[in-house]
PDB file of N, CA and C in Angstrom:
ATOM      1  N   GLN A   1      -6.796   0.276  26.255  1.00  0.00           N
ATOM      2  CA  GLN A   1      -5.152   0.133  26.804  1.00  0.00           C
ATOM      3  C   GLN A   1      -4.087   0.007  26.139  1.00  0.00           C
ATOM      4  N   ARG A   2      -4.104  -0.031  24.823  1.00  0.00           N
ATOM      5  CA  ARG A   2      -2.873   0.828  24.107  1.00  0.00           C
ATOM      6  C   ARG A   2      -3.277   1.901  23.313  1.00  0.00           C
ATOM      7  N   GLY A   3      -3.983   3.026  24.295  1.00  0.00           N
ATOM      8  CA  GLY A   3      -4.003   4.400  24.104  1.00  0.00           C
ATOM      9  C   GLY A   3      -4.582   4.989  22.430  1.00  0.00           C
ATOM     10  N   VAL A   4      -5.412   3.843  22.006  1.00  0.00           N
ATOM     11  CA  VAL A   4      -5.910   3.613  20.494  1.00  0.00           C
ATOM     12  C   VAL A   4      -7.226   4.915  20.817  1.00  0.00           C
ATOM     13  N   THR A   5      -7.676   5.945  19.866  1.00  0.00           N
ATOM     14  CA  THR A   5      -8.866   6.521  20.149  1.00  0.00           C
ATOM     15  C   THR A   5      -9.148   6.084  18.372  1.00  0.00           C
ATOM     16  N   LEU A   6     -10.424   5.823  18.158  1.00  0.00           N
ATOM     17  CA  LEU A   6     -11.400   5.602  17.215  1.00  0.00           C
ATOM     18  C   LEU A   6     -11.819   6.777  16.740  1.00  0.00           C
ATOM     19  N   ASP A   7     -12.067   7.451  15.576  1.00  0.00           N
ATOM     20  CA  ASP A   7     -12.511   8.501  15.105  1.00  0.00           C
ATOM     21  C   ASP A   7     -12.858   8.402  13.799  1.00  0.00           C
ATOM     22  N   PHE A   8     -14.076   8.198  13.759  1.00  0.00           N
ATOM     23  CA  PHE A   8     -14.948   8.099  12.283  1.00  0.00           C
ATOM     24  C   PHE A   8     -15.614   9.177  11.488  1.00  0.00           C
ATOM     25  N   SER A   9     -15.894   9.176  10.534  1.00  0.00           N
ATOM     26  CA  SER A   9     -15.810   9.858   9.430  1.00  0.00           C
ATOM     27  C   SER A   9     -17.386  10.180   9.976  1.00  0.00           C
ATOM     28  N   ARG A  10     -18.085  11.229   9.810  1.00  0.00           N
ATOM     29  CA  ARG A  10     -19.673  11.433   9.463  1.00  0.00           C
ATOM     30  C   ARG A  10     -20.281  10.740   8.548  1.00  0.00           C
ATOM     31  N   PRO A  11     -21.433  10.362   9.066  1.00  0.00           N
ATOM     32  CA  PRO A  11     -21.622   9.241   8.142  1.00  0.00           C
ATOM     33  C   PRO A  11     -22.474  10.296   6.600  1.00  0.00           C
ATOM     34  N   GLY A  12     -22.290   9.581   5.845  1.00  0.00           N
ATOM     35  CA  GLY A  12     -22.686   9.973   4.719  1.00  0.00           C
ATOM     36  C   GLY A  12     -21.677  11.390   4.476  1.00  0.00           C
ATOM     37  N   LYS A  13     -20.419  11.492   5.158  1.00  0.00           N
ATOM     38  CA  LYS A  13     -19.579  12.540   4.398  1.00  0.00           C
ATOM     39  C   LYS A  13     -18.172  11.888   3.930  1.00  0.00           C
ATOM     40  N   PRO A  14     -17.944  11.839   2.443  1.00  0.00           N
ATOM     41  CA  PRO A  14     -16.670  10.921   2.502  1.00  0.00           C
ATOM     42  C   PRO A  14     -15.786  11.979   2.174  1.00  0.00           C
ATOM     43  N   THR A  15     -15.958  13.396   2.381  1.00  0.00           N
ATOM     44  CA  THR A  15     -15.457  14.616   2.368  1.00  0.00           C
ATOM     45  C   THR A  15     -14.358  14.987   3.471  1.00  0.00           C
ATOM     46  N   ASP A  16     -14.799  14.213   4.668  1.00  0.00           N
ATOM     47  CA  ASP A  16     -14.122  14.450   6.029  1.00  0.00           C
ATOM     48  C   ASP A  16     -12.691  13.999   5.634  1.00  0.00           C
ATOM     49  N   ASN A  17     -12.330  12.828   5.475  1.00  0.00           N
ATOM     50  CA  ASN A  17     -10.997  12.268   4.879  1.00  0.00           C
ATOM     51  C   ASN A  17     -11.063  11.754   3.677  1.00  0.00           C
ATOM     52  N   ALA A  18     -11.002  12.407   2.435  1.00  0.00           N
ATOM     53  CA  ALA A  18     -10.881  12.611   1.187  1.00  0.00           C
ATOM     54  C   ALA A  18      -9.676  12.105   0.331  1.00  0.00           C
ATOM     55  N   PHE A  19      -8.105  12.112   1.618  1.00  0.00           N
ATOM     56  CA  PHE A  19      -7.395  10.782   0.802  1.00  0.00           C
ATOM     57  C   PHE A  19      -7.264   9.882   0.783  1.00  0.00           C
ATOM     58  N   ILE A  20      -7.821   9.368   2.111  1.00  0.00           N
ATOM     59  CA  ILE A  20      -8.182   8.124   2.606  1.00  0.00           C
ATOM     60  C   ILE A  20      -9.194   7.527   1.488  1.00  0.00           C
ATOM     61  N   GLU A  21      -9.826   8.098   1.340  1.00  0.00           N
ATOM     62  CA  GLU A  21     -11.342   7.479   0.674  1.00  0.00           C
ATOM     63  C   GLU A  21     -10.544   7.326  -0.823  1.00  0.00           C
ATOM     64  N   ALA A  22      -9.455   8.003  -1.530  1.00  0.00           N
ATOM     65  CA  ALA A  22      -9.017   7.856  -2.921  1.00  0.00           C
ATOM     66  C   ALA A  22      -8.467   7.152  -2.594  1.00  0.00           C
ATOM     67  N   PHE A  23      -7.715   6.497  -1.749  1.00  0.00           N
ATOM     68  CA  PHE A  23      -6.518   5.644  -1.653  1.00  0.00           C
ATOM     69  C   PHE A  23      -7.490   4.143  -1.578  1.00  0.00           C
ATOM     70  N   ASN A  24      -8.620   4.554  -0.509  1.00  0.00           N
ATOM     71  CA  ASN A  24      -9.020   2.965  -0.633  1.00  0.00           C
ATOM     72  C   ASN A  24      -9.479   2.512  -1.728  1.00  0.00           C
ATOM     73  N   SER A  25     -10.094   3.570  -2.729  1.00  0.00           N
ATOM     74  CA  SER A  25     -11.006   3.577  -3.691  1.00  0.00           C
ATOM     75  C   SER A  25      -9.394   2.707  -5.057  1.00  0.00           C
ATOM     76  N   LYS A  26      -8.805   3.547  -5.218  1.00  0.00           N
ATOM     77  CA  LYS A  26      -7.054   2.757  -5.982  1.00  0.00           C
ATOM     78  C   LYS A  26      -7.073   1.312  -5.504  1.00  0.00           C
ATOM     79  N   LEU A  27      -7.244   1.746  -4.074  1.00  0.00           N
ATOM     80  CA  LEU A  27      -6.823  -0.111  -3.765  1.00  0.00           C
ATOM     81  C   LEU A  27      -7.930  -1.553  -4.107  1.00  0.00           C
ATOM     82  N   ARG A  28      -8.922  -1.005  -3.745  1.00  0.00           N
ATOM     83  CA  ARG A  28      -9.713  -1.843  -4.388  1.00  0.00           C
ATOM     84  C   ARG A  28     -10.466  -1.800  -5.564  1.00  0.00           C
ATOM     85  N   SER A  29     -10.064  -1.020  -6.670  1.00  0.00           N
ATOM     86  CA  SER A  29     -10.258  -1.465  -8.000  1.00  0.00           C
ATOM     87  C   SER A  29      -8.937  -1.812  -8.690  1.00  0.00           C
ATOM     88  N   GLU A  30      -7.808  -1.487  -8.200  1.00  0.00           N
ATOM     89  CA  GLU A  30      -6.556  -1.770  -9.221  1.00  0.00           C
ATOM     90  C   GLU A  30      -5.895  -3.157  -8.356  1.00  0.00           C
ATOM     91  N   CYS A  31      -6.214  -3.697  -7.361  1.00  0.00           N
ATOM     92  CA  CYS A  31      -5.846  -4.916  -6.609  1.00  0.00           C
ATOM     93  C   CYS A  31      -6.885  -5.551  -6.215  1.00  0.00           C
ATOM     94  N   LEU A  32      -7.469  -5.493  -5.018  1.00  0.00           N
ATOM     95  CA  LEU A  32      -8.683  -6.121  -4.813  1.00  0.00           C
ATOM     96  C   LEU A  32      -9.430  -6.586  -5.761  1.00  0.00           C
ATOM     97  N   ASN A  33     -10.670  -5.567  -6.419  1.00  0.00           N
ATOM     98  CA  ASN A  33     -11.351  -6.422  -6.902  1.00  0.00           C
ATOM     99  C   ASN A  33     -10.643  -7.114  -8.276  1.00  0.00           C
ATOM    100  N   ALA A  34      -8.974  -6.915  -8.820  1.00  0.00           N
ATOM    101  CA  ALA A  34      -8.809  -7.199  -9.857  1.00  0.00           C
ATOM    102  C   ALA A  34      -7.607  -8.711  -9.661  1.00  0.00           C
ATOM    103  N   HIS A  35      -8.142  -9.521  -8.087  1.00  0.00           N
ATOM    104  CA  HIS A  35      -7.344 -10.720  -8.310  1.00  0.00           C
ATOM    105  C   HIS A  35      -7.818 -11.553  -7.463  1.00  0.00           C
ATOM    106  N   TRP A  36      -8.179 -12.440  -7.629  1.00  0.00           N
ATOM    107  CA  TRP A  36      -8.618 -13.917  -6.607  1.00  0.00           C
ATOM    108  C   TRP A  36      -7.329 -14.084  -5.512  1.00  0.00           C
ATOM    109  N   PHE A  37      -7.680 -14.101  -4.250  1.00  0.00           N
ATOM    110  CA  PHE A  37      -6.119 -14.711  -3.524  1.00  0.00           C
ATOM    111  C   PHE A  37      -6.599 -15.890  -2.790  1.00  0.00           C
ATOM    112  N   LEU A  38      -5.368 -16.440  -3.460  1.00  0.00           N
ATOM    113  CA  LEU A  38      -5.634 -18.360  -3.238  1.00  0.00           C
ATOM    114  C   LEU A  38      -5.409 -18.943  -1.753  1.00  0.00           C
ATOM    115  N   SER A  39      -4.575 -18.229  -0.960  1.00  0.00           N
ATOM    116  CA  SER A  39      -4.164 -18.188   0.244  1.00  0.00           C
ATOM    117  C   SER A  39      -3.390 -16.731   0.718  1.00  0.00           C
ATOM    118  N   LEU A  40      -3.631 -16.850   2.070  1.00  0.00           N
ATOM    119  CA  LEU A  40      -3.160 -15.676   2.373  1.00  0.00           C
ATOM    120  C   LEU A  40      -1.418 -15.545   2.352  1.00  0.00           C
ATOM    121  N   GLU A  41      -0.869 -16.381   1.817  1.00  0.00           N
ATOM    122  CA  GLU A  41       0.255 -15.884   1.209  1.00  0.00           C
ATOM    123  C   GLU A  41       0.077 -15.432   0.192  1.00  0.00           C
ATOM    124  N   ASP A  42      -0.735 -15.756  -0.795  1.00  0.00           N
ATOM    125  CA  ASP A  42      -1.018 -15.438  -2.007  1.00  0.00           C
ATOM    126  C   ASP A  42      -1.293 -13.878  -2.529  1.00  0.00           C
ATOM    127  N   ALA A  43      -2.034 -13.677  -1.189  1.00  0.00           N
ATOM    128  CA  ALA A  43      -2.463 -12.114  -0.763  1.00  0.00           C
ATOM    129  C   ALA A  43      -1.556 -11.400  -0.796  1.00  0.00           C
ATOM    130  N   CYS A  44      -0.321 -11.771   0.404  1.00  0.00           N
ATOM    131  CA  CYS A  44       0.342 -10.826   0.623  1.00  0.00           C
ATOM    132  C   CYS A  44       1.508 -10.451  -0.379  1.00  0.00           C
ATOM    133  N   GLU A  45       1.385 -11.391  -1.115  1.00  0.00           N
ATOM    134  CA  GLU A  45       2.138 -11.333  -2.025  1.00  0.00           C
ATOM    135  C   GLU A  45       1.854 -10.101  -3.373  1.00  0.00           C
ATOM    136  N   LYS A  46       0.722 -10.732  -3.811  1.00  0.00           N
ATOM    137  CA  LYS A  46       0.197  -9.488  -4.534  1.00  0.00           C
ATOM    138  C   LYS A  46      -0.116  -8.255  -3.991  1.00  0.00           C
ATOM    139  N   LEU A  47      -0.397  -7.755  -2.777  1.00  0.00           N
ATOM    140  CA  LEU A  47      -0.896  -6.606  -2.241  1.00  0.00           C
ATOM    141  C   LEU A  47       0.855  -5.879  -2.187  1.00  0.00           C
ATOM    142  N   GLU A  48       2.114  -6.877  -2.228  1.00  0.00           N
ATOM    143  CA  GLU A  48       2.495  -6.332  -1.936  1.00  0.00           C
ATOM    144  C   GLU A  48       3.616  -5.698  -2.931  1.00  0.00           C
ATOM    145  N   ALA A  49       3.403  -6.345  -4.053  1.00  0.00           N
ATOM    146  CA  ALA A  49       3.670  -6.333  -5.485  1.00  0.00           C
ATOM    147  C   ALA A  49       3.006  -4.771  -5.815  1.00  0.00           C
ATOM    148  N   TRP A  50       1.210  -4.932  -5.333  1.00  0.00           N
ATOM    149  CA  TRP A  50       0.758  -3.821  -5.510  1.00  0.00           C
ATOM    150  C   TRP A  50       1.098  -2.194  -5.315  1.00  0.00           C
ATOM    151  N   ARG A  51       1.483  -2.533  -4.034  1.00  0.00           N
ATOM    152  CA  ARG A  51       1.720  -1.461  -2.951  1.00  0.00           C
ATOM    153  C   ARG A  51       3.435  -0.786  -3.643  1.00  0.00           C
ATOM    154  N   ARG A  52       4.394  -1.675  -4.145  1.00  0.00           N
ATOM    155  CA  ARG A  52       5.189  -1.302  -4.587  1.00  0.00           C
ATOM    156  C   ARG A  52       5.000  -0.428  -5.889  1.00  0.00           C
ATOM    157  N   HIS A  53       4.275  -1.207  -6.687  1.00  0.00           N
ATOM    158  CA  HIS A  53       3.583  -0.191  -8.270  1.00  0.00           C
ATOM    159  C   HIS A  53       3.099   1.467  -7.809  1.00  0.00           C
ATOM    160  N   TYR A  54       2.271   1.014  -6.827  1.00  0.00           N
ATOM    161  CA  TYR A  54       1.643   2.621  -6.412  1.00  0.00           C
ATOM    162  C   TYR A  54       2.231   3.216  -6.699  1.00  0.00           C
ATOM    163  N   ASN A  55       3.407   3.184  -5.283  1.00  0.00           N
ATOM    164  CA  ASN A  55       4.579   3.902  -4.882  1.00  0.00           C
ATOM    165  C   ASN A  55       5.968   3.816  -5.844  1.00  0.00           C
ATOM    166  N   GLU A  56       6.153   3.646  -6.360  1.00  0.00           N
ATOM    167  CA  GLU A  56       7.943   3.702  -6.882  1.00  0.00           C
ATOM    168  C   GLU A  56       7.333   3.602  -8.755  1.00  0.00           C
ATOM    169  N   GLU A  57       5.886   3.473  -9.292  1.00  0.00           N
ATOM    170  CA  GLU A  57       5.775   2.800 -10.727  1.00  0.00           C
ATOM    171  C   GLU A  57       4.758   4.160 -11.062  1.00  0.00           C
ATOM    172  N   ARG A  58       3.678   3.822 -10.663  1.00  0.00           N
ATOM    173  CA  ARG A  58       2.602   4.783 -10.983  1.00  0.00           C
ATOM    174  C   ARG A  58       2.298   5.793 -11.107  1.00  0.00           C
ATOM    175  N   PRO A  59       2.010   6.881 -11.561  1.00  0.00           N
ATOM    176  CA  PRO A  59       1.918   8.790 -11.738  1.00  0.00           C
ATOM    177  C   PRO A  59       1.135   8.670 -10.885  1.00  0.00           C
ATOM    178  N   HIS A  60       0.727  10.020 -10.136  1.00  0.00           N
ATOM    179  CA  HIS A  60       0.006   9.967  -8.786  1.00  0.00           C
ATOM    180  C   HIS A  60      -0.150  11.657  -9.395  1.00  0.00           C
ATOM    181  N   SER A  61      -1.496  12.366 -10.294  1.00  0.00           N
ATOM    182  CA  SER A  61      -1.880  13.165 -10.702  1.00  0.00           C
ATOM    183  C   SER A  61      -1.653  14.341  -9.323  1.00  0.00           C
ATOM    184  N   ALA A  62      -1.945  14.121  -7.807  1.00  0.00           N
ATOM    185  CA  ALA A  62      -1.651  15.284  -7.339  1.00  0.00           C
ATOM    186  C   ALA A  62      -0.043  15.650  -7.014  1.00  0.00           C
ATOM    187  N   ILE A  63       1.006  15.016  -7.422  1.00  0.00           N
ATOM    188  CA  ILE A  63       2.228  15.197  -7.525  1.00  0.00           C
ATOM    189  C   ILE A  63       2.988  15.002  -8.678  1.00  0.00           C
ATOM    190  N   GLY A  64       2.126  16.155  -9.718  1.00  0.00           N
ATOM    191  CA  GLY A  64       2.510  16.177 -10.681  1.00  0.00           C
ATOM    192  C   GLY A  64       2.961  14.857 -11.956  1.00  0.00           C
ATOM    193  N   ASN A  65       2.251  14.092 -11.624  1.00  0.00           N
ATOM    194  CA  ASN A  65       2.216  12.682 -12.641  1.00  0.00           C
ATOM    195  C   ASN A  65       3.751  11.910 -12.757  1.00  0.00           C
ATOM    196  N   ILE A  66       4.332  12.317 -11.055  1.00  0.00           N
ATOM    197  CA  ILE A  66       5.553  11.689 -10.958  1.00  0.00           C
ATOM    198  C   ILE A  66       5.025  10.452  -9.851  1.00  0.00           C
ATOM    199  N   PRO A  67       5.632   9.287  -9.469  1.00  0.00           N
ATOM    200  CA  PRO A  67       5.178   8.773  -8.386  1.00  0.00           C
ATOM    201  C   PRO A  67       6.334   8.563  -7.311  1.00  0.00           C
ATOM    202  N   PRO A  68       5.179   8.507  -6.029  1.00  0.00           N
ATOM    203  CA  PRO A  68       6.230   9.591  -4.482  1.00  0.00           C
ATOM    204  C   PRO A  68       7.529   9.120  -4.778  1.00  0.00           C
ATOM    205  N   ILE A  69       7.590   7.853  -5.055  1.00  0.00           N
ATOM    206  CA  ILE A  69       8.997   7.713  -4.724  1.00  0.00           C
ATOM    207  C   ILE A  69      10.235   8.540  -5.338  1.00  0.00           C
ATOM    208  N   MET A  70       9.837   9.188  -6.404  1.00  0.00           N
ATOM    209  CA  MET A  70      10.477  10.424  -6.801  1.00  0.00           C
ATOM    210  C   MET A  70      10.677  11.724  -6.165  1.00  0.00           C
ATOM    211  N   LEU A  71       9.474  11.802  -5.132  1.00  0.00           N
ATOM    212  CA  LEU A  71       9.833  12.895  -3.960  1.00  0.00           C
ATOM    213  C   LEU A  71      10.549  12.315  -3.181  1.00  0.00           C
ATOM    214  N   ALA A  72      10.372  11.284  -2.520  1.00  0.00           N
ATOM    215  CA  ALA A  72      11.560  10.993  -1.295  1.00  0.00           C
ATOM    216  C   ALA A  72      13.066  10.916  -1.722  1.00  0.00           C
ATOM    217  N   ASN A  73      12.964  10.384  -3.084  1.00  0.00           N
ATOM    218  CA  ASN A  73      14.488   9.849  -3.295  1.00  0.00           C
ATOM    219  C   ASN A  73      14.356  10.293  -4.922  1.00  0.00           C
ATOM    220  N   PRO A  74      15.088  11.707  -5.450  1.00  0.00           N
ATOM    221  CA  PRO A  74      15.013  11.927  -6.794  1.00  0.00           C
ATOM    222  C   PRO A  74      15.525  11.219  -7.900  1.00  0.00           C
ATOM    223  N   ALA A  75      16.584  10.285  -7.209  1.00  0.00           N
ATOM    224  CA  ALA A  75      17.388   9.738  -7.539  1.00  0.00           C
ATOM    225  C   ALA A  75      16.758   8.204  -8.209  1.00  0.00           C
ATOM    226  N   GLY A  76      15.504   7.980  -7.451  1.00  0.00           N
ATOM    227  CA  GLY A  76      14.821   6.779  -7.912  1.00  0.00           C
ATOM    228  C   GLY A  76      15.121   5.911  -7.441  1.00  0.00           C
ATOM    229  N   ALA A  77      15.621   5.222  -6.572  1.00  0.00           N
ATOM    230  CA  ALA A  77      15.650   4.349  -5.697  1.00  0.00           C
ATOM    231  C   ALA A  77      14.513   4.078  -5.423  1.00  0.00           C
ATOM    232  N   THR A  78      14.202   2.246  -5.120  1.00  0.00           N
ATOM    233  CA  THR A  78      13.133   1.760  -4.617  1.00  0.00           C
ATOM    234  C   THR A  78      13.061   1.322  -3.183  1.00  0.00           C
ATOM    235  N   SER A  79      11.782   1.258  -3.037  1.00  0.00           N
ATOM    236  CA  SER A  79      11.401   0.980  -1.333  1.00  0.00           C
ATOM    237  C   SER A  79      12.636   0.224  -0.693  1.00  0.00           C
ATOM    238  N   PRO A  80      12.636  -0.429   0.282  1.00  0.00           N
ATOM    239  CA  PRO A  80      13.545  -1.513   0.914  1.00  0.00           C
ATOM    240  C   PRO A  80      13.128  -2.743  -0.029  1.00  0.00           C
ATOM    241  N   PRO A  81      14.367  -3.407   0.351  1.00  0.00           N
ATOM    242  CA  PRO A  81      14.743  -4.442  -0.563  1.00  0.00           C
ATOM    243  C   PRO A  81      13.842  -5.686   0.067  1.00  0.00           C
ATOM    244  N   GLU A  82      13.136  -6.259  -0.850  1.00  0.00           N
ATOM    245  CA  GLU A  82      12.771  -7.728  -0.412  1.00  0.00           C
ATOM    246  C   GLU A  82      13.144  -8.285   1.034  1.00  0.00           C
ATOM    247  N   PRO A  83      12.322  -8.572   2.468  1.00  0.00           N
ATOM    248  CA  PRO A  83      12.541  -9.231   3.663  1.00  0.00           C
ATOM    249  C   PRO A  83      13.353 -10.181   3.085  1.00  0.00           C
ATOM    250  N   ASP A  84      13.969 -10.738   2.521  1.00  0.00           N
ATOM    251  CA  ASP A  84      14.771 -12.084   2.411  1.00  0.00           C
ATOM    252  C   ASP A  84      16.372 -11.873   1.451  1.00  0.00           C
ATOM    253  N   GLN A  85      15.760 -10.744   1.547  1.00  0.00           N
ATOM    254  CA  GLN A  85      17.423  -9.697   0.616  1.00  0.00           C
ATOM    255  C   GLN A  85      18.123  -8.495   1.582  1.00  0.00           C
ATOM    256  N   ALA A  86      17.333  -8.019   2.639  1.00  0.00           N
ATOM    257  CA  ALA A  86      17.893  -6.989   3.487  1.00  0.00           C
ATOM    258  C   ALA A  86      19.058  -8.014   4.360  1.00  0.00           C
ATOM    259  N   GLU A  87      19.704  -7.103   4.862  1.00  0.00           N
ATOM    260  CA  GLU A  87      20.560  -7.859   5.757  1.00  0.00           C
ATOM    261  C   GLU A  87      19.951  -7.698   6.607  1.00  0.00           C
ATOM    262  N   ASN A  88      19.467  -6.967   7.208  1.00  0.00           N
ATOM    263  CA  ASN A  88      18.559  -7.049   8.119  1.00  0.00           C
ATOM    264  C   ASN A  88      17.115  -7.139   8.576  1.00  0.00           C
ATOM    265  N   SER A  89      16.814  -8.496   7.672  1.00  0.00           N
ATOM    266  CA  SER A  89      15.593  -8.698   7.521  1.00  0.00           C
ATOM    267  C   SER A  89      14.632  -8.848   9.144  1.00  0.00           C
ATOM    268  N   ARG A  90      13.753  -9.097   8.690  1.00  0.00           N
ATOM    269  CA  ARG A  90      13.081  -9.567   9.829  1.00  0.00           C
ATOM    270  C   ARG A  90      12.906 -11.152   9.357  1.00  0.00           C
ATOM    271  N   PRO A  91      12.464 -12.088  10.126  1.00  0.00           N
ATOM    272  CA  PRO A  91      11.621 -13.261   9.619  1.00  0.00           C
ATOM    273  C   PRO A  91      10.573 -13.197   9.044  1.00  0.00           C
ATOM    274  N   LYS A  92      10.689 -14.258   8.117  1.00  0.00           N
ATOM    275  CA  LYS A  92       9.391 -14.526   6.987  1.00  0.00           C
ATOM    276  C   LYS A  92       8.446 -15.026   7.784  1.00  0.00           C
ATOM    277  N   ARG A  93       7.397 -14.458   7.194  1.00  0.00           N
ATOM    278  CA  ARG A  93       6.239 -14.857   7.627  1.00  0.00           C
ATOM    279  C   ARG A  93       5.654 -16.129   7.715  1.00  0.00           C
ATOM    280  N   SER A  94       5.076 -16.777   8.709  1.00  0.00           N
ATOM    281  CA  SER A  94       5.001 -18.054   9.063  1.00  0.00           C
ATOM    282  C   SER A  94       3.645 -18.601   7.919  1.00  0.00           C
ATOM    283  N   LYS A  95       3.447 -19.662   7.221  1.00  0.00           N
ATOM    284  CA  LYS A  95       3.055 -20.130   6.520  1.00  0.00           C
ATOM    285  C   LYS A  95       1.791 -20.257   7.223  1.00  0.00           C
ATOM    286  N   VAL A  96       0.304 -19.865   6.899  1.00  0.00           N
ATOM    287  CA  VAL A  96      -1.325 -20.076   7.704  1.00  0.00           C
ATOM    288  C   VAL A  96      -1.663 -21.010   6.767  1.00  0.00           C
ATOM    289  N   GLY A  97      -2.526 -22.287   7.520  1.00  0.00           N
ATOM    290  CA  GLY A  97      -3.268 -23.006   6.741  1.00  0.00           C
ATOM    291  C   GLY A  97      -2.884 -24.185   6.216  1.00  0.00           C
TER     292      GLY A  97
END
């Protein structure tokens, strides 16, 4: 209906998509397995903090041990501001539960 095509790696062949497999491993070990999520809002906050750390501070060996933000912006500017601080920000998420 939306033009999405599912494409799966071959069973037992994680090297078919090594980049996402490596990312999934880092996300699981550095964030998902390291925290208890007490609510959806808590999970969103912790995942956003990890995403910012992963992209703005954490060195990546595949790109010369620099954070990815340094490739996109050598001056080191961070990713977009928090939604409540941006001029044209989206509305805040509604609380669930």
